[in-house]
Amino acid sequence: MKDTSKINTGKEGEKIAASFLKKNGYRIIETNLRCALGEIDIIAREKSELVFIEVKTRKSAELGYPEQAVGIKKQKKMSQLALWYLQKKNITNTGARFDVVAITISSSGNEIKLIKNAFDFMEAS
């Protein structure tokens, strides 16, 4: 059985992130884009750059900060997904980067941290 509370927390986090990004000048192009390689949470444009965004949401810091969950494996996966997307959409001559939105949901108010250019493109080894 899947842990639905985890899935719901993730979905809630993605909604919060999308709204936060829009307020901060991002134009959302796609959300939850799935393909054989995996899923990209949010693809957006900020000014002239295409931004691939990973959203991490936690309900407490007991497992560490949400952004700590974006390790090397996840970075490689996102790099592959970004490459796949650019090829599929035939997008060239555009700057692209990876951002992470880390959200901690709490009753006293959500903490939202935007990490721009969180990591560089990584070749899949």
N, C-alpha and C. Protein backbone atom coordinates (compact mmCIF):
# COMPACT_ATOMS: atom_id res chain seq x y z
N MET A 1 0.84 -1.20 0.00
CA MET A 1 0.00 0.00 0.00
C MET A 1 0.87 1.25 0.00
N LYS A 2 0.57 2.15 -0.85
CA LYS A 2 1.33 3.41 -0.91
C LYS A 2 0.96 4.29 0.27
N ASP A 3 1.94 5.04 0.71
CA ASP A 3 1.69 5.97 1.82
C ASP A 3 1.02 7.22 1.25
N THR A 4 -0.32 7.26 1.37
CA THR A 4 -1.05 8.37 0.76
C THR A 4 -0.75 9.70 1.43
N SER A 5 -0.41 9.68 2.73
CA SER A 5 -0.12 10.97 3.38
C SER A 5 1.14 11.59 2.78
N LYS A 6 2.10 10.74 2.40
CA LYS A 6 3.32 11.23 1.75
C LYS A 6 3.00 11.84 0.38
N ILE A 7 2.16 11.13 -0.37
CA ILE A 7 1.76 11.61 -1.69
C ILE A 7 1.01 12.93 -1.56
N ASN A 8 0.08 12.99 -0.60
CA ASN A 8 -0.69 14.22 -0.39
C ASN A 8 0.21 15.38 0.03
N THR A 9 1.18 15.11 0.89
CA THR A 9 2.13 16.15 1.30
C THR A 9 2.88 16.67 0.08
N GLY A 10 3.31 15.76 -0.78
CA GLY A 10 4.02 16.14 -2.01
C GLY A 10 3.15 16.99 -2.91
N LYS A 11 1.90 16.57 -3.10
CA LYS A 11 0.98 17.33 -3.97
C LYS A 11 0.71 18.72 -3.39
N GLU A 12 0.51 18.77 -2.09
CA GLU A 12 0.27 20.04 -1.42
C GLU A 12 1.50 20.95 -1.60
N GLY A 13 2.66 20.38 -1.43
CA GLY A 13 3.91 21.12 -1.60
C GLY A 13 4.05 21.68 -3.00
N GLU A 14 3.69 20.88 -4.00
CA GLU A 14 3.79 21.33 -5.39
C GLU A 14 2.84 22.48 -5.68
N LYS A 15 1.65 22.44 -5.07
CA LYS A 15 0.70 23.56 -5.24
C LYS A 15 1.27 24.83 -4.62
N ILE A 16 1.79 24.70 -3.41
CA ILE A 16 2.39 25.84 -2.69
C ILE A 16 3.55 26.40 -3.52
N ALA A 17 4.38 25.50 -4.04
CA ALA A 17 5.56 25.91 -4.83
C ALA A 17 5.14 26.66 -6.09
N ALA A 18 4.15 26.13 -6.82
CA ALA A 18 3.70 26.76 -8.06
C ALA A 18 3.20 28.17 -7.79
N SER A 19 2.41 28.32 -6.74
CA SER A 19 1.87 29.62 -6.38
C SER A 19 3.00 30.58 -5.99
N PHE A 20 3.95 30.09 -5.20
CA PHE A 20 5.11 30.87 -4.77
C PHE A 20 5.95 31.33 -5.97
N LEU A 21 6.17 30.40 -6.91
CA LEU A 21 6.99 30.71 -8.09
C LEU A 21 6.32 31.77 -8.95
N LYS A 22 5.00 31.64 -9.14
CA LYS A 22 4.25 32.64 -9.94
C LYS A 22 4.40 34.03 -9.32
N LYS A 23 4.27 34.10 -8.00
CA LYS A 23 4.41 35.39 -7.30
C LYS A 23 5.80 35.96 -7.47
N ASN A 24 6.78 35.08 -7.73
CA ASN A 24 8.16 35.53 -7.87
C ASN A 24 8.61 35.62 -9.33
N GLY A 25 7.63 35.77 -10.22
CA GLY A 25 7.97 36.06 -11.62
C GLY A 25 8.23 34.88 -12.52
N TYR A 26 7.98 33.68 -12.05
CA TYR A 26 8.15 32.50 -12.91
C TYR A 26 6.86 32.29 -13.69
N ARG A 27 7.01 31.79 -14.93
CA ARG A 27 5.84 31.43 -15.73
C ARG A 27 5.84 29.90 -15.84
N ILE A 28 4.85 29.28 -15.23
CA ILE A 28 4.78 27.81 -15.21
C ILE A 28 4.39 27.30 -16.60
N ILE A 29 5.17 26.37 -17.11
CA ILE A 29 4.89 25.78 -18.42
C ILE A 29 4.27 24.40 -18.26
N GLU A 30 4.84 23.58 -17.39
CA GLU A 30 4.34 22.22 -17.18
C GLU A 30 4.44 21.88 -15.70
N THR A 31 3.54 21.03 -15.24
CA THR A 31 3.67 20.48 -13.89
C THR A 31 3.51 18.97 -13.97
N ASN A 32 4.22 18.28 -13.13
CA ASN A 32 4.17 16.82 -13.06
C ASN A 32 4.29 16.16 -14.43
N LEU A 33 5.31 16.55 -15.16
CA LEU A 33 5.52 15.97 -16.49
C LEU A 33 6.17 14.61 -16.32
N ARG A 34 5.47 13.57 -16.75
CA ARG A 34 5.97 12.21 -16.61
C ARG A 34 6.42 11.65 -17.95
N CYS A 35 7.47 10.85 -17.89
CA CYS A 35 7.90 10.10 -19.07
C CYS A 35 8.54 8.81 -18.56
N ALA A 36 9.07 8.01 -19.47
CA ALA A 36 9.66 6.72 -19.07
C ALA A 36 10.82 6.90 -18.08
N LEU A 37 11.49 8.03 -18.16
CA LEU A 37 12.64 8.28 -17.28
C LEU A 37 12.25 8.67 -15.86
N GLY A 38 11.06 9.24 -15.70
CA GLY A 38 10.65 9.72 -14.39
C GLY A 38 9.72 10.91 -14.50
N GLU A 39 9.83 11.81 -13.54
CA GLU A 39 8.91 12.94 -13.51
C GLU A 39 9.64 14.24 -13.16
N ILE A 40 9.23 15.30 -13.84
CA ILE A 40 9.74 16.64 -13.51
C ILE A 40 8.58 17.34 -12.80
N ASP A 41 8.83 17.83 -11.59
CA ASP A 41 7.75 18.46 -10.82
C ASP A 41 7.20 19.69 -11.53
N ILE A 42 8.10 20.64 -11.84
CA ILE A 42 7.65 21.89 -12.48
C ILE A 42 8.68 22.32 -13.51
N ILE A 43 8.19 22.73 -14.67
CA ILE A 43 9.04 23.37 -15.67
C ILE A 43 8.48 24.77 -15.84
N ALA A 44 9.36 25.75 -15.75
CA ALA A 44 8.91 27.14 -15.82
C ALA A 44 9.93 27.97 -16.58
N ARG A 45 9.53 29.20 -16.87
CA ARG A 45 10.46 30.17 -17.44
C ARG A 45 10.62 31.28 -16.44
N GLU A 46 11.84 31.71 -16.27
CA GLU A 46 12.09 32.92 -15.51
C GLU A 46 12.96 33.78 -16.40
N LYS A 47 12.43 34.91 -16.78
CA LYS A 47 13.06 35.77 -17.78
C LYS A 47 13.33 34.92 -19.01
N SER A 48 14.59 34.81 -19.44
CA SER A 48 14.86 34.06 -20.67
C SER A 48 15.28 32.62 -20.40
N GLU A 49 15.33 32.24 -19.12
CA GLU A 49 15.80 30.89 -18.81
C GLU A 49 14.68 29.90 -18.61
N LEU A 50 14.95 28.67 -19.05
CA LEU A 50 14.05 27.56 -18.80
C LEU A 50 14.51 26.94 -17.49
N VAL A 51 13.58 26.71 -16.57
CA VAL A 51 13.95 26.23 -15.25
C VAL A 51 13.25 24.91 -14.94
N PHE A 52 14.05 23.92 -14.59
CA PHE A 52 13.53 22.61 -14.18
C PHE A 52 13.55 22.62 -12.66
N ILE A 53 12.37 22.42 -12.07
CA ILE A 53 12.24 22.62 -10.63
C ILE A 53 11.83 21.34 -9.92
N GLU A 54 12.60 21.00 -8.91
CA GLU A 54 12.28 19.87 -8.05
C GLU A 54 11.69 20.44 -6.77
N VAL A 55 10.53 19.91 -6.38
CA VAL A 55 9.88 20.38 -5.15
C VAL A 55 10.03 19.30 -4.09
N LYS A 56 10.52 19.67 -2.93
CA LYS A 56 10.65 18.73 -1.81
C LYS A 56 9.87 19.30 -0.64
N THR A 57 8.99 18.49 -0.10
CA THR A 57 8.13 18.96 0.99
C THR A 57 8.25 18.03 2.19
N ARG A 58 8.34 18.63 3.34
CA ARG A 58 8.38 17.86 4.59
C ARG A 58 7.40 18.48 5.57
N LYS A 59 6.99 17.66 6.53
CA LYS A 59 6.10 18.19 7.57
C LYS A 59 6.88 18.51 8.84
N SER A 60 8.14 18.06 8.89
CA SER A 60 8.98 18.41 10.03
C SER A 60 10.43 18.29 9.59
N ALA A 61 11.34 18.77 10.40
CA ALA A 61 12.76 18.72 10.05
C ALA A 61 13.44 17.50 10.65
N GLU A 62 12.66 16.58 11.21
CA GLU A 62 13.30 15.45 11.88
C GLU A 62 14.07 14.54 10.92
N LEU A 63 13.70 14.54 9.66
CA LEU A 63 14.44 13.75 8.67
C LEU A 63 15.45 14.63 7.91
N GLY A 64 15.71 15.81 8.42
CA GLY A 64 16.60 16.73 7.74
C GLY A 64 15.79 17.74 6.94
N TYR A 65 16.47 18.70 6.38
CA TYR A 65 15.79 19.71 5.58
C TYR A 65 15.36 19.10 4.24
N PRO A 66 14.24 19.58 3.70
CA PRO A 66 13.74 18.98 2.45
C PRO A 66 14.77 19.03 1.32
N GLU A 67 15.51 20.14 1.23
CA GLU A 67 16.47 20.26 0.12
C GLU A 67 17.59 19.23 0.18
N GLN A 68 17.82 18.65 1.37
CA GLN A 68 18.86 17.63 1.50
C GLN A 68 18.47 16.34 0.79
N ALA A 69 17.20 16.20 0.43
CA ALA A 69 16.73 15.00 -0.25
C ALA A 69 17.07 15.01 -1.75
N VAL A 70 17.63 16.11 -2.24
CA VAL A 70 18.00 16.18 -3.66
C VAL A 70 19.49 15.83 -3.76
N GLY A 71 19.75 14.54 -3.74
CA GLY A 71 21.14 14.07 -3.79
C GLY A 71 21.65 13.90 -5.21
N ILE A 72 22.84 13.34 -5.31
CA ILE A 72 23.50 13.14 -6.61
C ILE A 72 22.63 12.32 -7.57
N LYS A 73 22.03 11.26 -7.05
CA LYS A 73 21.20 10.39 -7.89
C LYS A 73 20.03 11.19 -8.49
N LYS A 74 19.38 11.99 -7.65
CA LYS A 74 18.25 12.82 -8.10
C LYS A 74 18.73 13.87 -9.10
N GLN A 75 19.91 14.44 -8.86
CA GLN A 75 20.45 15.46 -9.77
C GLN A 75 20.73 14.86 -11.15
N LYS A 76 21.27 13.65 -11.17
CA LYS A 76 21.53 12.98 -12.45
C LYS A 76 20.22 12.69 -13.17
N LYS A 77 19.23 12.23 -12.41
CA LYS A 77 17.92 11.91 -12.98
C LYS A 77 17.28 13.17 -13.58
N MET A 78 17.35 14.26 -12.84
CA MET A 78 16.77 15.52 -13.34
C MET A 78 17.51 16.02 -14.57
N SER A 79 18.81 15.82 -14.61
CA SER A 79 19.61 16.21 -15.77
C SER A 79 19.16 15.42 -17.00
N GLN A 80 18.95 14.11 -16.82
CA GLN A 80 18.46 13.25 -17.92
C GLN A 80 17.10 13.71 -18.39
N LEU A 81 16.21 13.99 -17.43
CA LEU A 81 14.85 14.44 -17.76
C LEU A 81 14.87 15.77 -18.51
N ALA A 82 15.73 16.67 -18.07
CA ALA A 82 15.83 17.98 -18.72
C ALA A 82 16.30 17.82 -20.17
N LEU A 83 17.29 16.97 -20.36
CA LEU A 83 17.82 16.71 -21.71
C LEU A 83 16.72 16.11 -22.59
N TRP A 84 15.99 15.14 -22.03
CA TRP A 84 14.89 14.50 -22.75
C TRP A 84 13.86 15.55 -23.17
N TYR A 85 13.50 16.44 -22.24
CA TYR A 85 12.50 17.46 -22.50
C TYR A 85 12.96 18.42 -23.60
N LEU A 86 14.19 18.88 -23.50
CA LEU A 86 14.72 19.82 -24.50
C LEU A 86 14.73 19.18 -25.88
N GLN A 87 15.11 17.89 -25.95
CA GLN A 87 15.12 17.20 -27.24
C GLN A 87 13.71 16.98 -27.77
N LYS A 88 12.82 16.54 -26.89
CA LYS A 88 11.43 16.26 -27.28
C LYS A 88 10.76 17.52 -27.82
N LYS A 89 11.00 18.65 -27.17
CA LYS A 89 10.37 19.91 -27.56
C LYS A 89 11.20 20.68 -28.59
N ASN A 90 12.34 20.08 -28.95
CA ASN A 90 13.24 20.69 -29.92
C ASN A 90 13.64 22.11 -29.49
N ILE A 91 14.00 22.25 -28.23
CA ILE A 91 14.39 23.56 -27.69
C ILE A 91 15.91 23.68 -27.71
N THR A 92 16.38 24.69 -28.41
CA THR A 92 17.82 24.95 -28.44
C THR A 92 18.02 26.44 -28.16
N ASN A 93 19.23 26.83 -27.99
CA ASN A 93 19.56 28.25 -27.77
C ASN A 93 18.80 28.88 -26.62
N THR A 94 18.65 28.15 -25.53
CA THR A 94 18.04 28.76 -24.36
C THR A 94 18.86 28.39 -23.14
N GLY A 95 18.95 29.31 -22.21
CA GLY A 95 19.62 28.99 -20.96
C GLY A 95 18.69 28.10 -20.15
N ALA A 96 19.26 27.14 -19.44
CA ALA A 96 18.44 26.27 -18.60
C ALA A 96 19.17 26.07 -17.27
N ARG A 97 18.38 25.88 -16.23
CA ARG A 97 18.99 25.65 -14.93
C ARG A 97 18.06 24.79 -14.07
N PHE A 98 18.59 24.37 -12.94
CA PHE A 98 17.83 23.54 -12.00
C PHE A 98 17.64 24.32 -10.71
N ASP A 99 16.38 24.46 -10.30
CA ASP A 99 16.07 25.08 -9.02
C ASP A 99 15.43 24.03 -8.12
N VAL A 100 15.55 24.24 -6.83
CA VAL A 100 14.88 23.38 -5.86
C VAL A 100 14.01 24.27 -4.99
N VAL A 101 12.76 23.87 -4.80
CA VAL A 101 11.89 24.56 -3.85
C VAL A 101 11.71 23.61 -2.68
N ALA A 102 12.20 24.05 -1.51
CA ALA A 102 12.12 23.23 -0.31
C ALA A 102 11.04 23.83 0.59
N ILE A 103 10.08 23.00 0.95
CA ILE A 103 8.95 23.48 1.73
C ILE A 103 8.80 22.67 3.01
N THR A 104 8.69 23.36 4.11
CA THR A 104 8.36 22.69 5.37
C THR A 104 6.98 23.20 5.78
N ILE A 105 6.02 22.28 5.80
CA ILE A 105 4.64 22.63 6.13
C ILE A 105 4.46 22.53 7.65
N SER A 106 3.96 23.59 8.23
CA SER A 106 3.67 23.51 9.67
C SER A 106 2.46 24.37 10.00
N SER A 107 1.87 24.10 11.14
CA SER A 107 0.66 24.82 11.55
C SER A 107 0.96 26.30 11.79
N SER A 108 2.20 26.61 12.12
CA SER A 108 2.55 28.01 12.37
C SER A 108 2.89 28.76 11.08
N GLY A 109 2.76 28.08 9.95
CA GLY A 109 3.04 28.72 8.67
C GLY A 109 4.08 27.94 7.90
N ASN A 110 3.96 27.94 6.58
CA ASN A 110 4.88 27.17 5.76
C ASN A 110 6.18 27.94 5.56
N GLU A 111 7.27 27.19 5.58
CA GLU A 111 8.56 27.79 5.27
C GLU A 111 8.91 27.37 3.85
N ILE A 112 9.15 28.36 2.99
CA ILE A 112 9.45 28.07 1.60
C ILE A 112 10.83 28.62 1.29
N LYS A 113 11.67 27.74 0.77
CA LYS A 113 13.03 28.15 0.43
C LYS A 113 13.25 27.86 -1.05
N LEU A 114 13.60 28.89 -1.81
CA LEU A 114 13.88 28.72 -3.23
C LEU A 114 15.40 28.72 -3.41
N ILE A 115 15.91 27.63 -3.95
CA ILE A 115 17.35 27.55 -4.21
C ILE A 115 17.53 27.59 -5.72
N LYS A 116 17.93 28.77 -6.20
CA LYS A 116 18.13 28.94 -7.65
C LYS A 116 19.46 28.31 -8.04
N ASN A 117 19.46 27.70 -9.23
CA ASN A 117 20.69 27.11 -9.73
C ASN A 117 21.27 26.16 -8.69
N ALA A 118 20.41 25.28 -8.16
CA ALA A 118 20.78 24.41 -7.04
C ALA A 118 21.93 23.45 -7.37
N PHE A 119 22.00 23.05 -8.64
CA PHE A 119 23.09 22.16 -9.04
C PHE A 119 23.30 22.27 -10.54
N ASP A 120 24.45 21.79 -10.99
CA ASP A 120 24.78 21.84 -12.42
C ASP A 120 24.32 20.56 -13.10
N PHE A 121 24.21 20.64 -14.42
CA PHE A 121 23.87 19.45 -15.22
C PHE A 121 24.87 18.35 -14.93
N MET A 122 24.38 17.13 -14.78
CA MET A 122 25.26 16.00 -14.54
C MET A 122 25.03 14.92 -15.58
N GLU A 123 26.13 14.45 -16.16
CA GLU A 123 26.04 13.35 -17.11
C GLU A 123 25.62 12.09 -16.36
N ALA A 124 24.77 11.31 -16.98
CA ALA A 124 24.43 10.02 -16.37
C ALA A 124 25.63 9.10 -16.58
N SER A 125 26.08 8.48 -15.51
CA SER A 125 27.27 7.63 -15.65
C SER A 125 26.90 6.21 -15.99
